[in-house]
Amino acid sequence: MFSSTNRKLSVQRSVVYCHCRLRALVCNANTPKNKGRQFFGCSKFKEIGGCEFGLKVTMRGRTQL
């Protein structure tokens, strides 16, 4: 499971790095509460040494919570 922050981020032209200092991937949530919502996550989250970075994605004029 990813930990998330209360910060929100516009996807447009954004490059986001996780706590591992790797470029974060845009992922889709699969949990019942957040199904289909996008977030930035660590590209190594399934590997040993990956972090639990998670950051909500917002679209201009529309916030995804």
Protein backbone atom coordinates (compact mmCIF):
# COMPACT_ATOMS: atom_id res chain seq x y z
CA MET A 1 0.00 0.00 0.00
CA PHE A 2 1.20 3.51 -0.76
CA SER A 3 1.39 6.26 1.79
CA SER A 4 0.11 9.50 0.40
CA THR A 5 0.53 13.13 1.21
CA ASN A 6 -2.09 15.84 1.34
CA ARG A 7 -0.27 17.69 -1.39
CA LYS A 8 -1.78 17.74 -4.84
CA LEU A 9 0.05 18.18 -8.12
CA SER A 10 -0.83 19.27 -11.64
CA VAL A 11 0.25 16.63 -14.15
CA GLN A 12 0.91 19.11 -16.93
CA ARG A 13 4.70 19.22 -17.60
CA SER A 14 5.50 17.80 -14.19
CA VAL A 15 8.35 15.46 -13.44
CA VAL A 16 8.00 13.89 -10.01
CA TYR A 17 10.67 11.94 -8.16
CA CYS A 18 10.02 9.49 -5.34
CA HIS A 19 12.00 9.11 -2.11
CA CYS A 20 14.34 6.70 -3.96
CA ARG A 21 15.24 9.62 -6.27
CA LEU A 22 13.74 7.78 -9.23
CA ARG A 23 11.21 9.22 -11.64
CA ALA A 24 7.76 8.37 -10.26
CA LEU A 25 5.21 6.62 -12.45
CA VAL A 26 1.59 7.66 -12.94
CA CYS A 27 -0.43 4.74 -11.57
CA ASN A 28 -4.14 3.93 -11.31
CA ALA A 29 -5.56 3.00 -7.92
CA ASN A 30 -7.42 -0.31 -7.65
CA THR A 31 -8.81 0.00 -4.13
CA PRO A 32 -12.62 0.21 -3.81
CA LYS A 33 -12.43 3.72 -2.32
CA ASN A 34 -10.12 5.17 -5.01
CA LYS A 35 -10.69 2.89 -8.01
CA GLY A 36 -9.47 4.48 -11.24
CA ARG A 37 -7.93 7.55 -9.62
CA GLN A 38 -4.40 8.41 -10.63
CA PHE A 39 -1.40 8.96 -8.41
CA PHE A 40 2.37 9.16 -8.73
CA GLY A 41 4.11 6.13 -7.23
CA CYS A 42 7.61 4.71 -6.88
CA SER A 43 8.70 2.80 -9.99
CA LYS A 44 10.19 0.10 -7.71
CA PHE A 45 7.24 -0.27 -5.33
CA LYS A 46 7.06 -4.05 -5.84
CA GLU A 47 10.81 -4.56 -5.43
CA ILE A 48 12.95 -4.77 -2.33
CA GLY A 49 14.30 -1.31 -1.67
CA GLY A 50 11.39 0.54 -3.29
CA CYS A 51 9.73 3.25 -1.23
CA GLU A 52 6.06 3.80 -0.41
CA PHE A 53 5.90 7.18 -2.13
CA GLY A 54 2.44 8.22 -3.29
CA LEU A 55 1.18 11.61 -4.48
CA LYS A 56 -2.33 12.38 -5.72
CA VAL A 57 -2.69 13.63 -9.27
CA THR A 58 -4.91 16.61 -10.04
CA MET A 59 -6.08 17.80 -13.40
CA ARG A 60 -6.41 21.49 -14.21
CA GLY A 61 -9.87 22.63 -13.11
CA ARG A 62 -10.70 19.24 -11.63
CA THR A 63 -9.36 17.79 -8.41
CA GLN A 64 -9.21 14.08 -7.80
CA LEU A 65 -9.34 13.22 -4.10
